[in-house]
Amino acid sequence: MPYTTTQIAELIQGQVVGDPTAILSGFAPATTAKVGDLTFAENAAYFARAEQSAASAVLIDEDFGPSRKIIIRVPSARIGFAKAMALFFPEPTYAPGIHPSSVVSPSAKVHPTAHVGPHCFVGDNVQIGARSVLQGSDHISNDSVIDEDVCLFPRVTLYPRTQLGKRVRVHAGTVLGSDGFGYVLDGPMHRKVPQIGNVVVSDDVEIGANVTIDRGALGPTVIGKGTKIDNLVQIAHNVVVGEHCLVVAQAGIAGSTKLGHYVTLAGQVGIAGHLKIGHKVVVAAQSGVMHDIPEAEKWFGSPAQPDRKWKRQLLALHQLPHLLKRVTELEKAVGIDPEEEPAEG
């Protein structure tokens, strides 16, 4: 849908410098933009490319100097970019109704405005709220609750009693509510501990593809409001993830660990069980966390440590070859054979 530059500026809280009536019909990077497109620049290098492009207008948050383009200036180019993209590329809409190939229990309550796509299964006593979408081949087990404006991409599985809040998005292949990994050694065998809890996902959470979140052994596993979970993440039973956290691809959180609000776990981070991670903690990629972390600290390494401590150790490791060379020279100077094994005792 085309917009005037003024309409776009009003919708993304920006200001137009140049023709306020120019029509923009698309959004594209500078390398592929054509006449009628809006592009964006978050630094001087991007702005130089935008100036050389065919784009009609540029979205910026700083003054990069005079421009021959129409400028839409916003407080944050990244935020403006996200808002403008949503204007030009809105989410697809789905017609209300239940596809004839789906199986829906007579006891399920599906809102008339919801969409249940082909080959879905909706179990007993399931509730599906207004405007929610099951795109296709989704399996919603008994007693699960899906609130308003939820979108489940294909092949999502909700085990019994899973609860999804408003505006939750769950991508393809994700499983919510599978058994927690609970066993006890009973003589020569591992005896399974029944997992009778559930998973509770709060409002405005987005969960990536092929994520697994286990239900609690007794109580719930909880994902806090506004949290975003990347693809291929494993969250174990009775974990509590706080609000507005970021959990990046291939991270794993062991059972009963609690994350505070605004925690960031970078890619391939592993968190041991029964730990407490404070608010606004950042854990760097491939770190292995074995201890509680106080609020607002940055940790990395394996085992993970506060970043300043780990950086000192890394610097020491870089100096190790030089130190070994100096030790060898000192040994030769005092008549010690560097190849001789030290005496025991």
C-alpha atoms as a PDB file:
ATOM      1  CA  MET A   1       0.000   0.000   0.000  1.00  0.00           C
ATOM      2  CA  PRO A   2       1.467   3.403  -0.944  1.00  0.00           C
ATOM      3  CA  TYR A   3       1.818   6.198   1.600  1.00  0.00           C
ATOM      4  CA  THR A   4       2.819   9.839   1.402  1.00  0.00           C
ATOM      5  CA  THR A   5       5.970  10.826   3.244  1.00  0.00           C
ATOM      6  CA  THR A   6       3.812  12.813   5.671  1.00  0.00           C
ATOM      7  CA  GLN A   7       1.629   9.795   6.422  1.00  0.00           C
ATOM      8  CA  ILE A   8       4.677   7.636   7.107  1.00  0.00           C
ATOM      9  CA  ALA A   9       6.245  10.288   9.325  1.00  0.00           C
ATOM     10  CA  GLU A  10       3.066  10.579  11.366  1.00  0.00           C
ATOM     11  CA  LEU A  11       2.778   6.808  11.759  1.00  0.00           C
ATOM     12  CA  ILE A  12       6.397   6.359  12.913  1.00  0.00           C
ATOM     13  CA  GLN A  13       6.722   9.619  14.871  1.00  0.00           C
ATOM     14  CA  GLY A  14       9.141  11.269  12.459  1.00  0.00           C
ATOM     15  CA  GLN A  15       9.612  14.555  10.610  1.00  0.00           C
ATOM     16  CA  VAL A  16       9.820  15.100   6.848  1.00  0.00           C
ATOM     17  CA  VAL A  17      12.625  17.156   5.337  1.00  0.00           C
ATOM     18  CA  GLY A  18      11.677  17.669   1.683  1.00  0.00           C
ATOM     19  CA  ASP A  19       8.511  16.962  -0.278  1.00  0.00           C
ATOM     20  CA  PRO A  20       5.740  16.063   2.199  1.00  0.00           C
ATOM     21  CA  THR A  21       3.422  14.801  -0.556  1.00  0.00           C
ATOM     22  CA  ALA A  22       5.773  12.371  -2.298  1.00  0.00           C
ATOM     23  CA  ILE A  23       4.337   8.863  -2.647  1.00  0.00           C
ATOM     24  CA  LEU A  24       6.335   5.918  -1.306  1.00  0.00           C
ATOM     25  CA  SER A  25       5.236   2.412  -2.268  1.00  0.00           C
ATOM     26  CA  GLY A  26       7.931   0.149  -0.849  1.00  0.00           C
ATOM     27  CA  PHE A  27      10.819  -0.340   1.548  1.00  0.00           C
ATOM     28  CA  ALA A  28      14.169  -1.758   0.436  1.00  0.00           C
ATOM     29  CA  PRO A  29      17.888  -1.723   1.281  1.00  0.00           C
ATOM     30  CA  ALA A  30      19.980   0.823  -0.592  1.00  0.00           C
ATOM     31  CA  THR A  31      21.533  -1.881  -2.795  1.00  0.00           C
ATOM     32  CA  THR A  32      18.183  -2.863  -4.350  1.00  0.00           C
ATOM     33  CA  ALA A  33      15.983   0.205  -3.781  1.00  0.00           C
ATOM     34  CA  LYS A  34      14.176   1.738  -6.738  1.00  0.00           C
ATOM     35  CA  VAL A  35      12.311   4.977  -7.342  1.00  0.00           C
ATOM     36  CA  GLY A  36       9.364   5.179  -4.941  1.00  0.00           C
ATOM     37  CA  ASP A  37      11.126   3.168  -2.221  1.00  0.00           C
ATOM     38  CA  LEU A  38      12.057   4.206   1.297  1.00  0.00           C
ATOM     39  CA  THR A  39      15.403   3.028   2.642  1.00  0.00           C
ATOM     40  CA  PHE A  40      17.160   3.646   5.953  1.00  0.00           C
ATOM     41  CA  ALA A  41      20.609   4.653   7.185  1.00  0.00           C
ATOM     42  CA  GLU A  42      21.820   4.226  10.744  1.00  0.00           C
ATOM     43  CA  ASN A  43      25.349   5.534  10.147  1.00  0.00           C
ATOM     44  CA  ALA A  44      27.342   7.643   7.687  1.00  0.00           C
ATOM     45  CA  ALA A  45      28.399   4.676   5.537  1.00  0.00           C
ATOM     46  CA  TYR A  46      24.802   3.537   5.104  1.00  0.00           C
ATOM     47  CA  PHE A  47      23.784   7.112   4.332  1.00  0.00           C
ATOM     48  CA  ALA A  48      26.416   7.375   1.591  1.00  0.00           C
ATOM     49  CA  ARG A  49      25.013   4.214  -0.021  1.00  0.00           C
ATOM     50  CA  ALA A  50      21.467   5.535   0.306  1.00  0.00           C
ATOM     51  CA  GLU A  51      22.513   8.785  -1.413  1.00  0.00           C
ATOM     52  CA  GLN A  52      23.854   6.819  -4.378  1.00  0.00           C
ATOM     53  CA  SER A  53      20.778   4.577  -4.583  1.00  0.00           C
ATOM     54  CA  ALA A  54      17.571   5.058  -6.563  1.00  0.00           C
ATOM     55  CA  ALA A  55      15.494   5.307  -3.360  1.00  0.00           C
ATOM     56  CA  SER A  56      13.231   8.327  -3.122  1.00  0.00           C
ATOM     57  CA  ALA A  57      13.514   8.808   0.641  1.00  0.00           C
ATOM     58  CA  VAL A  58      15.849   7.902   3.491  1.00  0.00           C
ATOM     59  CA  LEU A  59      14.989   7.190   7.126  1.00  0.00           C
ATOM     60  CA  ILE A  60      17.668   8.511   9.510  1.00  0.00           C
ATOM     61  CA  ASP A  61      18.118   9.556  13.132  1.00  0.00           C
ATOM     62  CA  GLU A  62      21.150  11.850  12.736  1.00  0.00           C
ATOM     63  CA  ASP A  63      22.196  14.734  10.519  1.00  0.00           C
ATOM     64  CA  PHE A  64      24.606  13.227   7.986  1.00  0.00           C
ATOM     65  CA  GLY A  65      24.816  16.440   5.980  1.00  0.00           C
ATOM     66  CA  PRO A  66      22.955  17.769   2.948  1.00  0.00           C
ATOM     67  CA  SER A  67      20.968  15.262   0.918  1.00  0.00           C
ATOM     68  CA  ARG A  68      19.339  15.178  -2.497  1.00  0.00           C
ATOM     69  CA  LYS A  69      16.795  12.697  -1.091  1.00  0.00           C
ATOM     70  CA  ILE A  70      13.668  13.265   0.942  1.00  0.00           C
ATOM     71  CA  ILE A  71      14.557  12.692   4.576  1.00  0.00           C
ATOM     72  CA  ILE A  72      12.320  11.244   7.294  1.00  0.00           C
ATOM     73  CA  ARG A  73      14.073  11.924  10.579  1.00  0.00           C
ATOM     74  CA  VAL A  74      13.122   9.803  13.598  1.00  0.00           C
ATOM     75  CA  PRO A  75      14.486   9.497  17.158  1.00  0.00           C
ATOM     76  CA  SER A  76      15.885   5.999  16.405  1.00  0.00           C
ATOM     77  CA  ALA A  77      16.583   4.692  12.915  1.00  0.00           C
ATOM     78  CA  ARG A  78      16.300   1.054  14.080  1.00  0.00           C
ATOM     79  CA  ILE A  79      12.912   1.599  15.721  1.00  0.00           C
ATOM     80  CA  GLY A  80      11.715   3.643  12.766  1.00  0.00           C
ATOM     81  CA  PHE A  81      12.895   0.865  10.449  1.00  0.00           C
ATOM     82  CA  ALA A  82      10.838  -1.724  12.367  1.00  0.00           C
ATOM     83  CA  LYS A  83       7.721   0.463  12.327  1.00  0.00           C
ATOM     84  CA  ALA A  84       8.043   1.309   8.631  1.00  0.00           C
ATOM     85  CA  MET A  85       8.591  -2.335   7.678  1.00  0.00           C
ATOM     86  CA  ALA A  86       5.354  -3.232   9.442  1.00  0.00           C
ATOM     87  CA  LEU A  87       3.529  -0.612   7.319  1.00  0.00           C
ATOM     88  CA  PHE A  88       4.778  -1.915   3.989  1.00  0.00           C
ATOM     89  CA  PHE A  89       4.795  -5.607   4.894  1.00  0.00           C
ATOM     90  CA  PRO A  90       1.811  -6.218   7.186  1.00  0.00           C
ATOM     91  CA  GLU A  91       1.078  -9.622   8.686  1.00  0.00           C
ATOM     92  CA  PRO A  92      -1.111 -11.877   6.514  1.00  0.00           C
ATOM     93  CA  THR A  93      -4.751 -12.141   7.474  1.00  0.00           C
ATOM     94  CA  TYR A  94      -6.683 -15.392   7.910  1.00  0.00           C
ATOM     95  CA  ALA A  95     -10.377 -15.923   7.383  1.00  0.00           C
ATOM     96  CA  PRO A  96     -12.341 -16.979  10.471  1.00  0.00           C
ATOM     97  CA  GLY A  97     -13.461 -20.558  10.598  1.00  0.00           C
ATOM     98  CA  ILE A  98     -12.369 -24.171  10.972  1.00  0.00           C
ATOM     99  CA  HIS A  99     -10.965 -26.067   8.000  1.00  0.00           C
ATOM    100  CA  PRO A 100     -12.942 -29.234   7.244  1.00  0.00           C
ATOM    101  CA  SER A 101      -9.813 -31.394   7.511  1.00  0.00           C
ATOM    102  CA  SER A 102      -9.239 -30.397  11.153  1.00  0.00           C
ATOM    103  CA  VAL A 103     -10.464 -32.395  14.156  1.00  0.00           C
ATOM    104  CA  VAL A 104     -11.972 -30.247  16.903  1.00  0.00           C
ATOM    105  CA  SER A 105     -13.415 -31.721  20.100  1.00  0.00           C
ATOM    106  CA  PRO A 106     -17.084 -30.892  20.748  1.00  0.00           C
ATOM    107  CA  SER A 107     -16.068 -29.586  24.179  1.00  0.00           C
ATOM    108  CA  ALA A 108     -13.507 -27.126  22.761  1.00  0.00           C
ATOM    109  CA  LYS A 109     -14.439 -23.435  22.683  1.00  0.00           C
ATOM    110  CA  VAL A 110     -13.164 -21.792  19.513  1.00  0.00           C
ATOM    111  CA  HIS A 111     -13.976 -18.103  19.132  1.00  0.00           C
ATOM    112  CA  PRO A 112     -15.938 -17.352  15.934  1.00  0.00           C
ATOM    113  CA  THR A 113     -13.202 -14.985  14.737  1.00  0.00           C
ATOM    114  CA  ALA A 114     -10.405 -17.558  15.185  1.00  0.00           C
ATOM    115  CA  HIS A 115      -8.846 -19.441  12.282  1.00  0.00           C
ATOM    116  CA  VAL A 116      -8.119 -23.179  12.508  1.00  0.00           C
ATOM    117  CA  GLY A 117      -6.222 -24.209   9.394  1.00  0.00           C
ATOM    118  CA  PRO A 118      -5.950 -27.604   7.705  1.00  0.00           C
ATOM    119  CA  HIS A 119      -5.092 -30.819   9.547  1.00  0.00           C
ATOM    120  CA  CYS A 120      -5.143 -29.348  13.045  1.00  0.00           C
ATOM    121  CA  PHE A 121      -6.176 -31.256  16.159  1.00  0.00           C
ATOM    122  CA  VAL A 122      -7.942 -29.413  18.994  1.00  0.00           C
ATOM    123  CA  GLY A 123      -8.533 -31.518  22.108  1.00  0.00           C
ATOM    124  CA  ASP A 124     -11.102 -31.601  24.872  1.00  0.00           C
ATOM    125  CA  ASN A 125     -11.878 -28.396  26.769  1.00  0.00           C
ATOM    126  CA  VAL A 126      -9.402 -26.344  24.740  1.00  0.00           C
ATOM    127  CA  GLN A 127     -10.099 -22.610  24.565  1.00  0.00           C
ATOM    128  CA  ILE A 128      -9.030 -20.549  21.546  1.00  0.00           C
ATOM    129  CA  GLY A 129      -9.485 -16.784  21.788  1.00  0.00           C
ATOM    130  CA  ALA A 130     -10.557 -14.093  19.372  1.00  0.00           C
ATOM    131  CA  ARG A 131      -8.576 -13.646  16.146  1.00  0.00           C
ATOM    132  CA  SER A 132      -6.100 -16.386  17.045  1.00  0.00           C
ATOM    133  CA  VAL A 133      -4.627 -18.428  14.199  1.00  0.00           C
ATOM    134  CA  LEU A 134      -3.606 -22.066  13.900  1.00  0.00           C
ATOM    135  CA  GLN A 135      -1.980 -22.091  10.482  1.00  0.00           C
ATOM    136  CA  GLY A 136      -1.998 -25.838   9.901  1.00  0.00           C
ATOM    137  CA  SER A 137      -1.041 -29.262  11.298  1.00  0.00           C
ATOM    138  CA  ASP A 138      -1.010 -27.876  14.843  1.00  0.00           C
ATOM    139  CA  HIS A 139      -1.797 -30.206  17.759  1.00  0.00           C
ATOM    140  CA  ILE A 140      -3.493 -28.580  20.758  1.00  0.00           C
ATOM    141  CA  SER A 141      -3.902 -31.075  23.597  1.00  0.00           C
ATOM    142  CA  ASN A 142      -6.658 -31.231  26.188  1.00  0.00           C
ATOM    143  CA  ASP A 143      -7.359 -28.318  28.553  1.00  0.00           C
ATOM    144  CA  SER A 144      -4.965 -25.929  26.826  1.00  0.00           C
ATOM    145  CA  VAL A 145      -5.828 -22.226  26.699  1.00  0.00           C
ATOM    146  CA  ILE A 146      -4.914 -19.928  23.803  1.00  0.00           C
ATOM    147  CA  ASP A 147      -5.762 -16.263  24.399  1.00  0.00           C
ATOM    148  CA  GLU A 148      -6.514 -13.517  21.857  1.00  0.00           C
ATOM    149  CA  ASP A 149      -4.442 -12.702  18.757  1.00  0.00           C
ATOM    150  CA  VAL A 150      -2.134 -15.705  19.098  1.00  0.00           C
ATOM    151  CA  CYS A 151      -0.435 -17.084  15.971  1.00  0.00           C
ATOM    152  CA  LEU A 152       0.781 -20.676  15.798  1.00  0.00           C
ATOM    153  CA  PHE A 153       2.827 -21.494  12.716  1.00  0.00           C
ATOM    154  CA  PRO A 154       2.619 -25.008  11.216  1.00  0.00           C
ATOM    155  CA  ARG A 155       3.336 -28.142  13.261  1.00  0.00           C
ATOM    156  CA  VAL A 156       3.299 -26.547  16.705  1.00  0.00           C
ATOM    157  CA  THR A 157       2.470 -28.963  19.518  1.00  0.00           C
ATOM    158  CA  LEU A 158       0.928 -27.925  22.830  1.00  0.00           C
ATOM    159  CA  TYR A 159       0.821 -30.654  25.449  1.00  0.00           C
ATOM    160  CA  PRO A 160      -2.106 -30.746  27.938  1.00  0.00           C
ATOM    161  CA  ARG A 161      -2.870 -27.647  30.036  1.00  0.00           C
ATOM    162  CA  THR A 162      -0.476 -25.354  28.182  1.00  0.00           C
ATOM    163  CA  GLN A 163      -1.483 -21.695  28.529  1.00  0.00           C
ATOM    164  CA  LEU A 164      -0.629 -18.979  25.993  1.00  0.00           C
ATOM    165  CA  GLY A 165      -1.278 -15.299  26.709  1.00  0.00           C
ATOM    166  CA  LYS A 166      -2.307 -12.555  24.305  1.00  0.00           C
ATOM    167  CA  ARG A 167      -0.374 -11.879  21.096  1.00  0.00           C
ATOM    168  CA  VAL A 168       1.935 -14.878  21.508  1.00  0.00           C
ATOM    169  CA  ARG A 169       3.692 -16.136  18.357  1.00  0.00           C
ATOM    170  CA  VAL A 170       5.053 -19.685  18.171  1.00  0.00           C
ATOM    171  CA  HIS A 171       7.017 -20.752  15.109  1.00  0.00           C
ATOM    172  CA  ALA A 172       7.050 -24.044  13.238  1.00  0.00           C
ATOM    173  CA  GLY A 173       8.032 -27.286  14.911  1.00  0.00           C
ATOM    174  CA  THR A 174       8.046 -25.990  18.481  1.00  0.00           C
ATOM    175  CA  VAL A 175       6.865 -28.229  21.327  1.00  0.00           C
ATOM    176  CA  LEU A 176       5.489 -26.708  24.529  1.00  0.00           C
ATOM    177  CA  GLY A 177       4.804 -28.883  27.560  1.00  0.00           C
ATOM    178  CA  SER A 178       6.735 -32.058  26.819  1.00  0.00           C
ATOM    179  CA  ASP A 179       7.907 -34.119  29.798  1.00  0.00           C
ATOM    180  CA  GLY A 180      10.650 -32.658  31.931  1.00  0.00           C
ATOM    181  CA  PHE A 181      13.830 -34.742  32.111  1.00  0.00           C
ATOM    182  CA  GLY A 182      13.146 -36.213  35.557  1.00  0.00           C
ATOM    183  CA  TYR A 183      14.503 -39.601  36.662  1.00  0.00           C
ATOM    184  CA  VAL A 184      15.683 -41.157  39.913  1.00  0.00           C
ATOM    185  CA  LEU A 185      18.124 -44.068  40.162  1.00  0.00           C
ATOM    186  CA  ASP A 186      16.246 -47.046  41.600  1.00  0.00           C
ATOM    187  CA  GLY A 187      18.668 -49.935  41.899  1.00  0.00           C
ATOM    188  CA  PRO A 188      19.932 -50.794  38.417  1.00  0.00           C
ATOM    189  CA  MET A 189      17.407 -48.607  36.557  1.00  0.00           C
ATOM    190  CA  HIS A 190      16.410 -44.977  36.092  1.00  0.00           C
ATOM    191  CA  ARG A 191      12.834 -44.613  37.292  1.00  0.00           C
ATOM    192  CA  LYS A 192      10.779 -41.877  35.633  1.00  0.00           C
ATOM    193  CA  VAL A 193       9.396 -39.140  37.876  1.00  0.00           C
ATOM    194  CA  PRO A 194       5.929 -38.211  36.526  1.00  0.00           C
ATOM    195  CA  GLN A 195       5.824 -34.650  35.190  1.00  0.00           C
ATOM    196  CA  ILE A 196       2.391 -33.297  36.060  1.00  0.00           C
ATOM    197  CA  GLY A 197       2.887 -29.522  35.757  1.00  0.00           C
ATOM    198  CA  ASN A 198       2.356 -27.349  32.683  1.00  0.00           C
ATOM    199  CA  VAL A 199       3.783 -24.460  30.658  1.00  0.00           C
ATOM    200  CA  VAL A 200       2.522 -20.884  31.063  1.00  0.00           C
ATOM    201  CA  VAL A 201       3.509 -18.348  28.398  1.00  0.00           C
ATOM    202  CA  SER A 202       2.659 -14.714  29.147  1.00  0.00           C
ATOM    203  CA  ASP A 203       1.538 -11.917  26.798  1.00  0.00           C
ATOM    204  CA  ASP A 204       3.625 -10.715  23.828  1.00  0.00           C
ATOM    205  CA  VAL A 205       6.082 -13.613  23.865  1.00  0.00           C
ATOM    206  CA  GLU A 206       7.594 -14.850  20.595  1.00  0.00           C
ATOM    207  CA  ILE A 207       9.062 -18.355  20.425  1.00  0.00           C
ATOM    208  CA  GLY A 208      11.189 -19.423  17.470  1.00  0.00           C
ATOM    209  CA  ALA A 209      11.203 -22.616  15.418  1.00  0.00           C
ATOM    210  CA  ASN A 210      12.035 -26.022  16.893  1.00  0.00           C
ATOM    211  CA  VAL A 211      12.103 -24.802  20.489  1.00  0.00           C
ATOM    212  CA  THR A 212      11.284 -27.203  23.322  1.00  0.00           C
ATOM    213  CA  ILE A 213       9.914 -25.989  26.643  1.00  0.00           C
ATOM    214  CA  ASP A 214       9.251 -28.738  29.200  1.00  0.00           C
ATOM    215  CA  ARG A 215       6.333 -28.695  31.590  1.00  0.00           C
ATOM    216  CA  GLY A 216       7.045 -28.516  35.297  1.00  0.00           C
ATOM    217  CA  ALA A 217       7.356 -31.597  37.472  1.00  0.00           C
ATOM    218  CA  LEU A 218       4.688 -30.200  39.810  1.00  0.00           C
ATOM    219  CA  GLY A 219       4.083 -26.491  39.137  1.00  0.00           C
ATOM    220  CA  PRO A 220       4.467 -24.572  35.896  1.00  0.00           C
ATOM    221  CA  THR A 221       7.375 -23.658  33.680  1.00  0.00           C
ATOM    222  CA  VAL A 222       6.872 -19.912  33.103  1.00  0.00           C
ATOM    223  CA  ILE A 223       7.908 -17.598  30.255  1.00  0.00           C
ATOM    224  CA  GLY A 224       7.509 -13.954  31.236  1.00  0.00           C
ATOM    225  CA  LYS A 225       5.775 -11.154  29.357  1.00  0.00           C
ATOM    226  CA  GLY A 226       7.525  -9.792  26.267  1.00  0.00           C
ATOM    227  CA  THR A 227      10.313 -12.377  26.230  1.00  0.00           C
ATOM    228  CA  LYS A 228      11.720 -13.378  22.827  1.00  0.00           C
ATOM    229  CA  ILE A 229      13.152 -16.876  22.313  1.00  0.00           C
ATOM    230  CA  ASP A 230      15.199 -17.734  19.232  1.00  0.00           C
ATOM    231  CA  ASN A 231      15.236 -21.021  17.302  1.00  0.00           C
ATOM    232  CA  LEU A 232      16.557 -24.296  18.740  1.00  0.00           C
ATOM    233  CA  VAL A 233      16.367 -23.343  22.410  1.00  0.00           C
ATOM    234  CA  GLN A 234      15.766 -25.866  25.213  1.00  0.00           C
ATOM    235  CA  ILE A 235      14.088 -24.729  28.449  1.00  0.00           C
ATOM    236  CA  ALA A 236      13.739 -27.402  31.112  1.00  0.00           C
ATOM    237  CA  HIS A 237      11.062 -28.119  33.707  1.00  0.00           C
ATOM    238  CA  ASN A 238      10.152 -25.537  36.338  1.00  0.00           C
ATOM    239  CA  VAL A 239      12.331 -22.835  34.809  1.00  0.00           C
ATOM    240  CA  VAL A 240      11.029 -19.292  35.296  1.00  0.00           C
ATOM    241  CA  VAL A 241      12.091 -16.816  32.609  1.00  0.00           C
ATOM    242  CA  GLY A 242      11.414 -13.200  33.564  1.00  0.00           C
ATOM    243  CA  GLU A 243       9.892 -10.422  31.492  1.00  0.00           C
ATOM    244  CA  HIS A 244      11.446  -9.032  28.293  1.00  0.00           C
ATOM    245  CA  CYS A 245      14.338 -11.493  28.200  1.00  0.00           C
ATOM    246  CA  LEU A 246      16.247 -12.472  25.049  1.00  0.00           C
ATOM    247  CA  VAL A 247      17.281 -16.119  24.682  1.00  0.00           C
ATOM    248  CA  VAL A 248      19.347 -16.648  21.534  1.00  0.00           C
ATOM    249  CA  ALA A 249      19.674 -19.777  19.375  1.00  0.00           C
ATOM    250  CA  GLN A 250      20.898 -23.076  20.821  1.00  0.00           C
ATOM    251  CA  ALA A 251      20.859 -21.845  24.406  1.00  0.00           C
ATOM    252  CA  GLY A 252      19.791 -24.291  27.102  1.00  0.00           C
ATOM    253  CA  ILE A 253      18.443 -23.655  30.607  1.00  0.00           C
ATOM    254  CA  ALA A 254      18.409 -26.554  33.069  1.00  0.00           C
ATOM    255  CA  GLY A 255      15.606 -27.295  35.496  1.00  0.00           C
ATOM    256  CA  SER A 256      14.341 -24.937  38.202  1.00  0.00           C
ATOM    257  CA  THR A 257      16.612 -22.043  37.240  1.00  0.00           C
ATOM    258  CA  LYS A 258      15.108 -18.571  37.537  1.00  0.00           C
ATOM    259  CA  LEU A 259      15.955 -15.681  35.218  1.00  0.00           C
ATOM    260  CA  GLY A 260      15.162 -12.090  36.181  1.00  0.00           C
ATOM    261  CA  HIS A 261      13.765  -9.427  33.842  1.00  0.00           C
ATOM    262  CA  TYR A 262      15.667  -8.169  30.763  1.00  0.00           C
ATOM    263  CA  VAL A 263      18.217 -10.993  30.868  1.00  0.00           C
ATOM    264  CA  THR A 264      20.121 -11.723  27.645  1.00  0.00           C
ATOM    265  CA  LEU A 265      21.519 -15.185  26.944  1.00  0.00           C
ATOM    266  CA  ALA A 266      23.591 -15.165  23.749  1.00  0.00           C
ATOM    267  CA  GLY A 267      23.944 -18.109  21.384  1.00  0.00           C
ATOM    268  CA  GLN A 268      24.825 -21.553  22.778  1.00  0.00           C
ATOM    269  CA  VAL A 269      24.806 -20.410  26.401  1.00  0.00           C
ATOM    270  CA  GLY A 270      24.249 -23.219  28.891  1.00  0.00           C
ATOM    271  CA  ILE A 271      22.742 -22.514  32.321  1.00  0.00           C
ATOM    272  CA  ALA A 272      22.970 -25.175  35.037  1.00  0.00           C
ATOM    273  CA  GLY A 273      19.957 -26.064  37.154  1.00  0.00           C
ATOM    274  CA  HIS A 274      18.605 -24.449  40.336  1.00  0.00           C
ATOM    275  CA  LEU A 275      20.416 -21.144  39.723  1.00  0.00           C
ATOM    276  CA  LYS A 276      19.239 -17.547  40.076  1.00  0.00           C
ATOM    277  CA  ILE A 277      20.172 -15.103  37.322  1.00  0.00           C
ATOM    278  CA  GLY A 278      19.545 -11.478  38.301  1.00  0.00           C
ATOM    279  CA  HIS A 279      17.770  -8.742  36.359  1.00  0.00           C
ATOM    280  CA  LYS A 280      19.552  -7.265  33.310  1.00  0.00           C
ATOM    281  CA  VAL A 281      22.304  -9.892  33.287  1.00  0.00           C
ATOM    282  CA  VAL A 282      24.092 -10.497  29.962  1.00  0.00           C
ATOM    283  CA  VAL A 283      25.797 -13.841  29.309  1.00  0.00           C
ATOM    284  CA  ALA A 284      28.092 -13.961  26.270  1.00  0.00           C
ATOM    285  CA  ALA A 285      27.948 -16.653  23.597  1.00  0.00           C
ATOM    286  CA  GLN A 286      29.039 -20.223  24.382  1.00  0.00           C
ATOM    287  CA  SER A 287      29.343 -19.518  28.093  1.00  0.00           C
ATOM    288  CA  GLY A 288      28.634 -22.213  30.663  1.00  0.00           C
ATOM    289  CA  VAL A 289      27.013 -20.790  33.808  1.00  0.00           C
ATOM    290  CA  MET A 290      27.492 -22.834  36.981  1.00  0.00           C
ATOM    291  CA  HIS A 291      26.754 -20.218  39.668  1.00  0.00           C
ATOM    292  CA  ASP A 292      24.165 -17.582  40.538  1.00  0.00           C
ATOM    293  CA  ILE A 293      24.757 -14.207  38.856  1.00  0.00           C
ATOM    294  CA  PRO A 294      23.941 -10.916  40.625  1.00  0.00           C
ATOM    295  CA  GLU A 295      21.906  -8.219  38.873  1.00  0.00           C
ATOM    296  CA  ALA A 296      23.230  -6.249  35.906  1.00  0.00           C
ATOM    297  CA  GLU A 297      26.500  -8.161  35.527  1.00  0.00           C
ATOM    298  CA  LYS A 298      28.123  -9.405  32.303  1.00  0.00           C
ATOM    299  CA  TRP A 299      29.567 -12.911  32.383  1.00  0.00           C
ATOM    300  CA  PHE A 300      31.299 -15.086  29.838  1.00  0.00           C
ATOM    301  CA  GLY A 301      33.570 -18.080  29.523  1.00  0.00           C
ATOM    302  CA  SER A 302      33.276 -21.724  30.485  1.00  0.00           C
ATOM    303  CA  PRO A 303      32.879 -21.911  33.381  1.00  0.00           C
ATOM    304  CA  ALA A 304      31.392 -18.415  33.134  1.00  0.00           C
ATOM    305  CA  GLN A 305      32.880 -15.615  35.233  1.00  0.00           C
ATOM    306  CA  PRO A 306      32.455 -11.845  35.455  1.00  0.00           C
ATOM    307  CA  ASP A 307      33.698 -10.387  32.194  1.00  0.00           C
ATOM    308  CA  ARG A 308      36.541  -8.321  33.677  1.00  0.00           C
ATOM    309  CA  LYS A 309      37.957 -11.346  35.506  1.00  0.00           C
ATOM    310  CA  TRP A 310      37.742 -13.513  32.410  1.00  0.00           C
ATOM    311  CA  LYS A 311      39.348 -10.837  30.237  1.00  0.00           C
ATOM    312  CA  ARG A 312      42.339 -10.666  32.618  1.00  0.00           C
ATOM    313  CA  GLN A 313      42.723 -14.437  32.314  1.00  0.00           C
ATOM    314  CA  LEU A 314      42.558 -14.250  28.522  1.00  0.00           C
ATOM    315  CA  LEU A 315      45.264 -11.582  28.512  1.00  0.00           C
ATOM    316  CA  ALA A 316      47.410 -13.793  30.735  1.00  0.00           C
ATOM    317  CA  LEU A 317      46.944 -16.718  28.333  1.00  0.00           C
ATOM    318  CA  HIS A 318      48.100 -14.559  25.410  1.00  0.00           C
ATOM    319  CA  GLN A 319      51.249 -13.686  27.375  1.00  0.00           C
ATOM    320  CA  LEU A 320      51.962 -17.331  28.260  1.00  0.00           C
ATOM    321  CA  PRO A 321      54.228 -18.161  25.245  1.00  0.00           C
ATOM    322  CA  HIS A 322      56.376 -15.117  26.010  1.00  0.00           C
ATOM    323  CA  LEU A 323      56.550 -16.040  29.702  1.00  0.00           C
ATOM    324  CA  LEU A 324      57.541 -19.638  28.889  1.00  0.00           C
ATOM    325  CA  LYS A 325      60.303 -18.344  26.613  1.00  0.00           C
ATOM    326  CA  ARG A 326      61.628 -16.119  29.392  1.00  0.00           C
ATOM    327  CA  VAL A 327      61.553 -18.975  31.919  1.00  0.00           C
ATOM    328  CA  THR A 328      63.514 -21.172  29.505  1.00  0.00           C
ATOM    329  CA  GLU A 329      66.117 -18.436  29.047  1.00  0.00           C
ATOM    330  CA  LEU A 330      66.415 -17.960  32.821  1.00  0.00           C
ATOM    331  CA  GLU A 331      66.833 -21.716  33.351  1.00  0.00           C
ATOM    332  CA  LYS A 332      69.637 -21.798  30.806  1.00  0.00           C
ATOM    333  CA  ALA A 333      71.282 -18.801  32.464  1.00  0.00           C
ATOM    334  CA  VAL A 334      71.461 -20.565  35.842  1.00  0.00           C
ATOM    335  CA  GLY A 335      72.489 -23.921  34.362  1.00  0.00           C
ATOM    336  CA  ILE A 336      69.170 -25.786  34.487  1.00  0.00           C
ATOM    337  CA  ASP A 337      68.427 -28.129  31.580  1.00  0.00           C
ATOM    338  CA  PRO A 338      64.908 -27.098  30.368  1.00  0.00           C
ATOM    339  CA  GLU A 339      64.308 -30.690  29.231  1.00  0.00           C
ATOM    340  CA  GLU A 340      65.175 -32.232  32.593  1.00  0.00           C
ATOM    341  CA  GLU A 341      62.236 -33.515  34.654  1.00  0.00           C
ATOM    342  CA  PRO A 342      61.992 -31.849  38.112  1.00  0.00           C
ATOM    343  CA  ALA A 343      62.889 -34.080  41.053  1.00  0.00           C
ATOM    344  CA  GLU A 344      60.040 -35.495  43.109  1.00  0.00           C
ATOM    345  CA  GLY A 345      59.650 -35.221  46.867  1.00  0.00           C
END
